[in-house]
Amino acid sequence: MGISEKAITGKEGILELIPQRPPFVFVDSYYGEEGGVHHTGFTPVDSTLFAEEGKLLEQGIIEHMAQSAAASTGYSFRLKGEVVPVGFIGAVAGFELLRLPVTGMEIRTTIRFAGEFGGISLVEAQSSQSGELIARTQLKIFLNTQQ
C-alpha cells in the first residue's frame, strides 16, 4: 500500500487505531506506509492541548510523534485482524526542535520502526510543516500485547 491509497482521516477512523481519546488526540490522519515509512498528519487548532499563542508547544509535538507511532502500529495490527495494543513511551532520545509549528496548518510526520528487542520498539520520527522540517526524535515504545 502506498501513501494516501487507503488514507484514514477523521475522528472515527483514527480512534480505531490509537488508545487515546479526546481531548488528548494528536493525530487526525494516517496516510499509509511506503518502503517501511509510515505517514501521518495532525492539524492543531488554537484550542488544542499544549497550544499557546498560535503555536503547538514542544510537549504537543512529542505527543503527536508518539501517537503517530501508535497509529502506524494500530493500522498494522488491524490489517492482521488483531486487537490494537496499548503502547507506553519508555524514552525520548535526541529530540531536536527546529521551530514550533503554527496552529491551523497540518503537521506531517514520518515514522520508521528501526528495530525491536524484547517487546520494545525503537522508532524514528520526523515532523514537518509546509515541507519544512520542524522536529525529529527517537522513541522507545513498549507494547502491551497481553490484553
N, C-alpha and C. Protein backbone atom coordinates (compact mmCIF):
# COMPACT_ATOMS: atom_id res chain seq x y z
N MET A 1 0.84 -1.17 0.00
CA MET A 1 0.00 0.00 0.00
C MET A 1 0.88 1.23 0.00
N GLY A 2 0.57 2.17 -0.83
CA GLY A 2 1.33 3.41 -0.89
C GLY A 2 0.66 4.51 -0.10
N ILE A 3 1.34 5.63 -0.04
CA ILE A 3 0.83 6.78 0.68
C ILE A 3 -0.49 7.23 0.06
N SER A 4 -1.46 7.48 0.89
CA SER A 4 -2.78 8.02 0.54
C SER A 4 -3.69 7.06 -0.20
N GLU A 5 -3.22 5.87 -0.60
CA GLU A 5 -4.11 4.96 -1.30
C GLU A 5 -5.29 4.56 -0.44
N LYS A 6 -5.04 4.36 0.84
CA LYS A 6 -6.10 3.99 1.77
C LYS A 6 -6.01 4.89 2.99
N ALA A 7 -5.96 6.19 2.76
CA ALA A 7 -5.82 7.14 3.86
C ALA A 7 -6.99 7.01 4.83
N ILE A 8 -6.67 7.15 6.11
CA ILE A 8 -7.68 7.16 7.15
C ILE A 8 -7.66 8.55 7.76
N THR A 9 -8.76 9.24 7.63
CA THR A 9 -8.87 10.57 8.20
C THR A 9 -10.17 10.65 8.99
N GLY A 10 -10.26 11.63 9.82
CA GLY A 10 -11.47 11.80 10.61
C GLY A 10 -11.36 11.08 11.94
N LYS A 11 -12.10 11.59 12.90
CA LYS A 11 -12.02 11.11 14.27
C LYS A 11 -12.34 9.62 14.41
N GLU A 12 -13.41 9.15 13.80
CA GLU A 12 -13.82 7.76 13.99
C GLU A 12 -12.76 6.78 13.50
N GLY A 13 -12.23 7.01 12.32
CA GLY A 13 -11.22 6.11 11.77
C GLY A 13 -9.94 6.10 12.58
N ILE A 14 -9.49 7.27 13.00
CA ILE A 14 -8.26 7.36 13.77
C ILE A 14 -8.43 6.73 15.15
N LEU A 15 -9.58 6.94 15.77
CA LEU A 15 -9.79 6.40 17.12
C LEU A 15 -9.79 4.87 17.14
N GLU A 16 -9.96 4.23 15.98
CA GLU A 16 -9.85 2.77 15.90
C GLU A 16 -8.39 2.32 15.94
N LEU A 17 -7.46 3.26 15.69
CA LEU A 17 -6.04 2.91 15.59
C LEU A 17 -5.24 3.24 16.84
N ILE A 18 -5.75 4.15 17.66
CA ILE A 18 -4.99 4.61 18.83
C ILE A 18 -5.81 4.46 20.10
N PRO A 19 -5.14 4.30 21.25
CA PRO A 19 -5.89 4.17 22.51
C PRO A 19 -6.33 5.51 23.11
N GLN A 20 -5.73 6.61 22.69
CA GLN A 20 -6.05 7.91 23.26
C GLN A 20 -7.46 8.35 22.85
N ARG A 21 -8.05 9.20 23.67
CA ARG A 21 -9.38 9.73 23.41
C ARG A 21 -9.38 11.24 23.62
N PRO A 22 -10.31 11.95 22.94
CA PRO A 22 -10.37 13.41 23.10
C PRO A 22 -10.50 13.77 24.58
N PRO A 23 -9.90 14.85 24.96
CA PRO A 23 -9.22 15.86 24.14
C PRO A 23 -7.74 15.58 23.92
N PHE A 24 -7.29 14.35 24.20
CA PHE A 24 -5.87 14.03 24.13
C PHE A 24 -5.52 13.27 22.85
N VAL A 25 -6.05 13.72 21.71
CA VAL A 25 -5.75 13.09 20.42
C VAL A 25 -4.91 14.07 19.60
N PHE A 26 -3.72 13.60 19.19
CA PHE A 26 -2.77 14.45 18.48
C PHE A 26 -2.40 13.89 17.10
N VAL A 27 -3.28 13.11 16.52
CA VAL A 27 -3.12 12.64 15.14
C VAL A 27 -4.52 12.58 14.55
N ASP A 28 -4.69 13.08 13.35
CA ASP A 28 -6.02 13.04 12.73
C ASP A 28 -6.02 12.43 11.34
N SER A 29 -4.85 11.99 10.87
CA SER A 29 -4.77 11.35 9.56
C SER A 29 -3.67 10.30 9.56
N TYR A 30 -3.97 9.17 8.94
CA TYR A 30 -2.96 8.15 8.67
C TYR A 30 -2.96 7.96 7.16
N TYR A 31 -1.84 8.27 6.52
CA TYR A 31 -1.78 8.27 5.06
C TYR A 31 -1.25 6.99 4.45
N GLY A 32 -0.70 6.10 5.27
CA GLY A 32 -0.22 4.84 4.74
C GLY A 32 1.26 4.64 4.96
N GLU A 33 1.75 3.56 4.38
CA GLU A 33 3.14 3.15 4.54
C GLU A 33 3.75 2.92 3.17
N GLU A 34 4.98 3.32 3.04
CA GLU A 34 5.69 3.12 1.78
C GLU A 34 7.17 2.90 2.11
N GLY A 35 7.69 1.77 1.70
CA GLY A 35 9.10 1.48 1.94
C GLY A 35 9.48 1.45 3.41
N GLY A 36 8.57 0.99 4.26
CA GLY A 36 8.85 0.90 5.68
C GLY A 36 8.67 2.20 6.44
N VAL A 37 8.20 3.23 5.77
CA VAL A 37 7.98 4.53 6.41
C VAL A 37 6.48 4.82 6.42
N HIS A 38 5.95 5.10 7.61
CA HIS A 38 4.54 5.42 7.79
C HIS A 38 4.37 6.93 7.79
N HIS A 39 3.22 7.39 7.27
CA HIS A 39 2.97 8.83 7.14
C HIS A 39 1.67 9.19 7.85
N THR A 40 1.76 10.20 8.73
CA THR A 40 0.59 10.66 9.47
C THR A 40 0.48 12.18 9.37
N GLY A 41 -0.65 12.69 9.85
CA GLY A 41 -0.85 14.13 9.87
C GLY A 41 -1.65 14.56 11.08
N PHE A 42 -1.50 15.84 11.42
CA PHE A 42 -2.25 16.44 12.51
C PHE A 42 -2.32 17.94 12.28
N THR A 43 -3.53 18.47 12.38
CA THR A 43 -3.73 19.91 12.26
C THR A 43 -4.17 20.43 13.62
N PRO A 44 -3.23 21.00 14.38
CA PRO A 44 -3.62 21.55 15.68
C PRO A 44 -4.42 22.84 15.48
N VAL A 45 -5.32 23.10 16.41
CA VAL A 45 -6.08 24.35 16.41
C VAL A 45 -5.74 25.08 17.71
N ASP A 46 -6.18 26.32 17.82
CA ASP A 46 -5.83 27.12 18.99
C ASP A 46 -6.30 26.50 20.30
N SER A 47 -7.38 25.71 20.26
CA SER A 47 -7.91 25.10 21.48
C SER A 47 -7.28 23.74 21.80
N THR A 48 -6.36 23.27 20.97
CA THR A 48 -5.67 22.00 21.20
C THR A 48 -4.86 22.09 22.50
N LEU A 49 -4.88 21.01 23.28
CA LEU A 49 -4.00 20.97 24.45
C LEU A 49 -2.57 21.23 23.99
N PHE A 50 -1.81 21.91 24.79
CA PHE A 50 -0.41 22.25 24.51
C PHE A 50 -0.25 23.25 23.36
N ALA A 51 -1.33 23.95 22.99
CA ALA A 51 -1.22 25.03 22.00
C ALA A 51 -1.30 26.35 22.76
N GLU A 52 -0.45 27.28 22.36
CA GLU A 52 -0.39 28.57 23.01
C GLU A 52 0.00 29.63 21.99
N GLU A 53 -0.73 30.71 21.98
CA GLU A 53 -0.40 31.85 21.12
C GLU A 53 -0.17 31.44 19.67
N GLY A 54 -1.03 30.55 19.17
CA GLY A 54 -0.97 30.17 17.77
C GLY A 54 0.11 29.17 17.41
N LYS A 55 0.71 28.53 18.40
CA LYS A 55 1.77 27.54 18.16
C LYS A 55 1.51 26.29 19.00
N LEU A 56 1.91 25.14 18.47
CA LEU A 56 1.87 23.90 19.23
C LEU A 56 3.19 23.77 19.96
N LEU A 57 3.13 23.61 21.28
CA LEU A 57 4.33 23.55 22.10
C LEU A 57 5.04 22.21 21.98
N GLU A 58 6.25 22.17 22.50
CA GLU A 58 7.13 21.01 22.40
C GLU A 58 6.45 19.71 22.86
N GLN A 59 5.76 19.75 24.01
CA GLN A 59 5.14 18.53 24.51
C GLN A 59 4.02 18.05 23.57
N GLY A 60 3.36 18.95 22.87
CA GLY A 60 2.36 18.56 21.89
C GLY A 60 2.97 17.88 20.67
N ILE A 61 4.14 18.36 20.27
CA ILE A 61 4.85 17.74 19.13
C ILE A 61 5.30 16.33 19.50
N ILE A 62 5.85 16.16 20.70
CA ILE A 62 6.29 14.83 21.13
C ILE A 62 5.09 13.89 21.22
N GLU A 63 3.99 14.36 21.76
CA GLU A 63 2.79 13.52 21.85
C GLU A 63 2.28 13.16 20.46
N HIS A 64 2.32 14.11 19.53
CA HIS A 64 1.92 13.82 18.15
C HIS A 64 2.81 12.72 17.55
N MET A 65 4.11 12.82 17.78
CA MET A 65 5.03 11.81 17.25
C MET A 65 4.72 10.43 17.85
N ALA A 66 4.49 10.39 19.15
CA ALA A 66 4.18 9.11 19.81
C ALA A 66 2.86 8.54 19.30
N GLN A 67 1.85 9.39 19.14
CA GLN A 67 0.57 8.91 18.63
C GLN A 67 0.66 8.53 17.15
N SER A 68 1.57 9.14 16.42
CA SER A 68 1.80 8.74 15.03
C SER A 68 2.34 7.32 14.99
N ALA A 69 3.26 7.00 15.92
CA ALA A 69 3.77 5.63 16.02
C ALA A 69 2.64 4.69 16.42
N ALA A 70 1.78 5.13 17.33
CA ALA A 70 0.64 4.30 17.76
C ALA A 70 -0.31 4.04 16.60
N ALA A 71 -0.59 5.06 15.80
CA ALA A 71 -1.50 4.89 14.66
C ALA A 71 -0.90 3.93 13.64
N SER A 72 0.40 4.03 13.42
CA SER A 72 1.08 3.13 12.49
C SER A 72 1.01 1.69 12.97
N THR A 73 1.26 1.50 14.26
CA THR A 73 1.17 0.16 14.85
C THR A 73 -0.27 -0.33 14.81
N GLY A 74 -1.21 0.53 15.18
CA GLY A 74 -2.62 0.17 15.17
C GLY A 74 -3.09 -0.27 13.80
N TYR A 75 -2.64 0.44 12.77
CA TYR A 75 -3.02 0.08 11.40
C TYR A 75 -2.50 -1.31 11.06
N SER A 76 -1.24 -1.57 11.41
CA SER A 76 -0.64 -2.88 11.12
C SER A 76 -1.38 -4.01 11.84
N PHE A 77 -1.75 -3.79 13.10
CA PHE A 77 -2.49 -4.81 13.84
C PHE A 77 -3.88 -5.02 13.25
N ARG A 78 -4.55 -3.94 12.85
CA ARG A 78 -5.88 -4.05 12.23
C ARG A 78 -5.82 -4.87 10.94
N LEU A 79 -4.78 -4.64 10.14
CA LEU A 79 -4.64 -5.39 8.89
C LEU A 79 -4.55 -6.89 9.15
N LYS A 80 -3.95 -7.26 10.28
CA LYS A 80 -3.81 -8.68 10.65
C LYS A 80 -5.04 -9.20 11.38
N GLY A 81 -6.03 -8.33 11.61
CA GLY A 81 -7.23 -8.73 12.33
C GLY A 81 -7.02 -8.88 13.82
N GLU A 82 -5.99 -8.24 14.34
CA GLU A 82 -5.67 -8.36 15.77
C GLU A 82 -6.11 -7.11 16.53
N VAL A 83 -6.21 -7.25 17.84
CA VAL A 83 -6.57 -6.14 18.72
C VAL A 83 -5.42 -5.14 18.75
N VAL A 84 -5.75 -3.86 18.65
CA VAL A 84 -4.75 -2.81 18.69
C VAL A 84 -4.20 -2.70 20.12
N PRO A 85 -2.88 -2.86 20.29
CA PRO A 85 -2.31 -2.83 21.64
C PRO A 85 -2.12 -1.40 22.16
N VAL A 86 -2.02 -1.30 23.47
CA VAL A 86 -1.68 -0.02 24.10
C VAL A 86 -0.16 0.04 24.19
N GLY A 87 0.40 1.18 23.85
CA GLY A 87 1.84 1.36 23.93
C GLY A 87 2.20 2.39 24.99
N PHE A 88 3.41 2.29 25.49
CA PHE A 88 3.92 3.21 26.50
C PHE A 88 5.27 3.74 26.05
N ILE A 89 5.47 5.04 26.17
CA ILE A 89 6.76 5.62 25.82
C ILE A 89 7.74 5.27 26.93
N GLY A 90 8.82 4.59 26.57
CA GLY A 90 9.86 4.26 27.53
C GLY A 90 10.93 5.32 27.60
N ALA A 91 11.18 5.99 26.46
CA ALA A 91 12.22 7.02 26.42
C ALA A 91 12.04 7.87 25.17
N VAL A 92 12.42 9.12 25.30
CA VAL A 92 12.52 10.05 24.18
C VAL A 92 14.00 10.43 24.12
N ALA A 93 14.63 10.20 22.98
CA ALA A 93 16.07 10.47 22.87
C ALA A 93 16.36 11.36 21.67
N GLY A 94 17.31 12.22 21.83
CA GLY A 94 17.78 13.05 20.73
C GLY A 94 16.72 13.97 20.16
N PHE A 95 15.78 14.43 20.99
CA PHE A 95 14.74 15.32 20.48
C PHE A 95 15.37 16.62 20.02
N GLU A 96 15.08 16.99 18.79
CA GLU A 96 15.58 18.24 18.21
C GLU A 96 14.40 19.04 17.69
N LEU A 97 14.21 20.22 18.24
CA LEU A 97 13.14 21.12 17.82
C LEU A 97 13.74 22.24 17.00
N LEU A 98 13.34 22.33 15.74
CA LEU A 98 13.87 23.37 14.87
C LEU A 98 12.99 24.62 14.91
N ARG A 99 11.69 24.42 15.05
CA ARG A 99 10.75 25.53 15.24
C ARG A 99 9.41 24.97 15.67
N LEU A 100 8.64 25.79 16.37
CA LEU A 100 7.29 25.38 16.78
C LEU A 100 6.34 25.49 15.59
N PRO A 101 5.49 24.49 15.39
CA PRO A 101 4.52 24.57 14.30
C PRO A 101 3.38 25.52 14.67
N VAL A 102 2.81 26.15 13.65
CA VAL A 102 1.68 27.05 13.87
C VAL A 102 0.38 26.26 13.83
N THR A 103 -0.60 26.75 14.57
CA THR A 103 -1.91 26.11 14.54
C THR A 103 -2.61 26.44 13.23
N GLY A 104 -3.54 25.57 12.87
CA GLY A 104 -4.31 25.77 11.65
C GLY A 104 -3.65 25.22 10.40
N MET A 105 -2.44 24.71 10.52
CA MET A 105 -1.72 24.13 9.39
C MET A 105 -1.31 22.71 9.75
N GLU A 106 -1.41 21.80 8.79
CA GLU A 106 -1.11 20.39 9.06
C GLU A 106 0.37 20.15 9.33
N ILE A 107 0.61 19.32 10.33
CA ILE A 107 1.94 18.78 10.60
C ILE A 107 1.97 17.40 9.95
N ARG A 108 2.97 17.12 9.15
CA ARG A 108 3.14 15.81 8.54
C ARG A 108 4.30 15.12 9.22
N THR A 109 4.10 13.86 9.58
CA THR A 109 5.13 13.12 10.31
C THR A 109 5.41 11.79 9.64
N THR A 110 6.68 11.43 9.61
CA THR A 110 7.08 10.11 9.12
C THR A 110 7.58 9.31 10.32
N ILE A 111 7.21 8.04 10.31
CA ILE A 111 7.57 7.11 11.37
C ILE A 111 8.29 5.93 10.73
N ARG A 112 9.46 5.60 11.26
CA ARG A 112 10.19 4.42 10.80
C ARG A 112 10.55 3.59 12.02
N PHE A 113 10.15 2.34 11.98
CA PHE A 113 10.49 1.40 13.05
C PHE A 113 11.89 0.87 12.77
N ALA A 114 12.85 1.29 13.61
CA ALA A 114 14.26 0.99 13.36
C ALA A 114 14.71 -0.33 13.96
N GLY A 115 13.91 -0.91 14.84
CA GLY A 115 14.29 -2.18 15.44
C GLY A 115 13.38 -2.52 16.60
N GLU A 116 13.46 -3.79 17.02
CA GLU A 116 12.63 -4.25 18.13
C GLU A 116 13.42 -5.29 18.90
N PHE A 117 13.38 -5.16 20.22
CA PHE A 117 14.07 -6.11 21.07
C PHE A 117 13.30 -6.25 22.37
N GLY A 118 12.90 -7.47 22.70
CA GLY A 118 12.23 -7.73 23.96
C GLY A 118 10.94 -6.95 24.16
N GLY A 119 10.19 -6.76 23.09
CA GLY A 119 8.93 -6.04 23.19
C GLY A 119 9.05 -4.53 23.19
N ILE A 120 10.27 -4.03 23.03
CA ILE A 120 10.49 -2.58 22.95
C ILE A 120 10.91 -2.23 21.54
N SER A 121 10.17 -1.28 20.94
CA SER A 121 10.46 -0.84 19.58
C SER A 121 11.21 0.48 19.60
N LEU A 122 12.22 0.61 18.74
CA LEU A 122 12.91 1.87 18.53
C LEU A 122 12.27 2.52 17.31
N VAL A 123 11.77 3.73 17.50
CA VAL A 123 11.04 4.44 16.45
C VAL A 123 11.75 5.74 16.14
N GLU A 124 11.94 6.02 14.86
CA GLU A 124 12.49 7.31 14.43
C GLU A 124 11.35 8.13 13.85
N ALA A 125 11.20 9.36 14.33
CA ALA A 125 10.12 10.23 13.90
C ALA A 125 10.67 11.56 13.41
N GLN A 126 10.06 12.07 12.33
CA GLN A 126 10.39 13.39 11.82
C GLN A 126 9.09 14.10 11.47
N SER A 127 8.98 15.35 11.90
CA SER A 127 7.77 16.13 11.62
C SER A 127 8.13 17.37 10.81
N SER A 128 7.24 17.72 9.90
CA SER A 128 7.44 18.91 9.09
C SER A 128 6.12 19.65 8.94
N GLN A 129 6.23 20.91 8.58
CA GLN A 129 5.05 21.72 8.30
C GLN A 129 5.39 22.57 7.08
N SER A 130 4.50 22.55 6.12
CA SER A 130 4.71 23.26 4.85
C SER A 130 6.03 22.83 4.20
N GLY A 131 6.36 21.54 4.34
CA GLY A 131 7.55 21.00 3.70
C GLY A 131 8.85 21.29 4.43
N GLU A 132 8.79 21.99 5.57
CA GLU A 132 9.99 22.35 6.33
C GLU A 132 10.08 21.49 7.59
N LEU A 133 11.22 20.84 7.79
CA LEU A 133 11.44 20.02 8.97
C LEU A 133 11.32 20.89 10.22
N ILE A 134 10.50 20.44 11.19
CA ILE A 134 10.34 21.22 12.42
C ILE A 134 10.87 20.47 13.65
N ALA A 135 10.88 19.13 13.61
CA ALA A 135 11.35 18.36 14.77
C ALA A 135 11.66 16.93 14.36
N ARG A 136 12.54 16.31 15.15
CA ARG A 136 12.85 14.89 14.96
C ARG A 136 13.28 14.31 16.29
N THR A 137 13.09 13.01 16.42
CA THR A 137 13.46 12.33 17.66
C THR A 137 13.49 10.83 17.45
N GLN A 138 13.94 10.13 18.49
CA GLN A 138 13.83 8.68 18.58
C GLN A 138 13.01 8.37 19.82
N LEU A 139 12.12 7.40 19.70
CA LEU A 139 11.28 6.98 20.81
C LEU A 139 11.51 5.50 21.06
N LYS A 140 11.52 5.11 22.33
CA LYS A 140 11.49 3.70 22.68
C LYS A 140 10.09 3.45 23.20
N ILE A 141 9.39 2.50 22.57
CA ILE A 141 8.00 2.24 22.89
C ILE A 141 7.82 0.78 23.26
N PHE A 142 7.16 0.56 24.39
CA PHE A 142 6.82 -0.78 24.84
C PHE A 142 5.36 -1.04 24.50
N LEU A 143 5.07 -2.15 23.83
CA LEU A 143 3.69 -2.53 23.51
C LEU A 143 3.19 -3.56 24.50
N ASN A 144 2.01 -3.30 25.04
CA ASN A 144 1.36 -4.26 25.92
C ASN A 144 0.42 -5.11 25.06
N THR A 145 0.91 -6.24 24.62
CA THR A 145 0.10 -7.12 23.77
C THR A 145 -0.64 -8.17 24.58
N GLN A 146 -0.56 -8.11 25.90
CA GLN A 146 -1.23 -9.07 26.78
C GLN A 146 -2.57 -8.51 27.26
N GLN A 147 -3.46 -8.17 26.35
CA GLN A 147 -4.73 -7.54 26.72
C GLN A 147 -5.83 -8.56 26.81
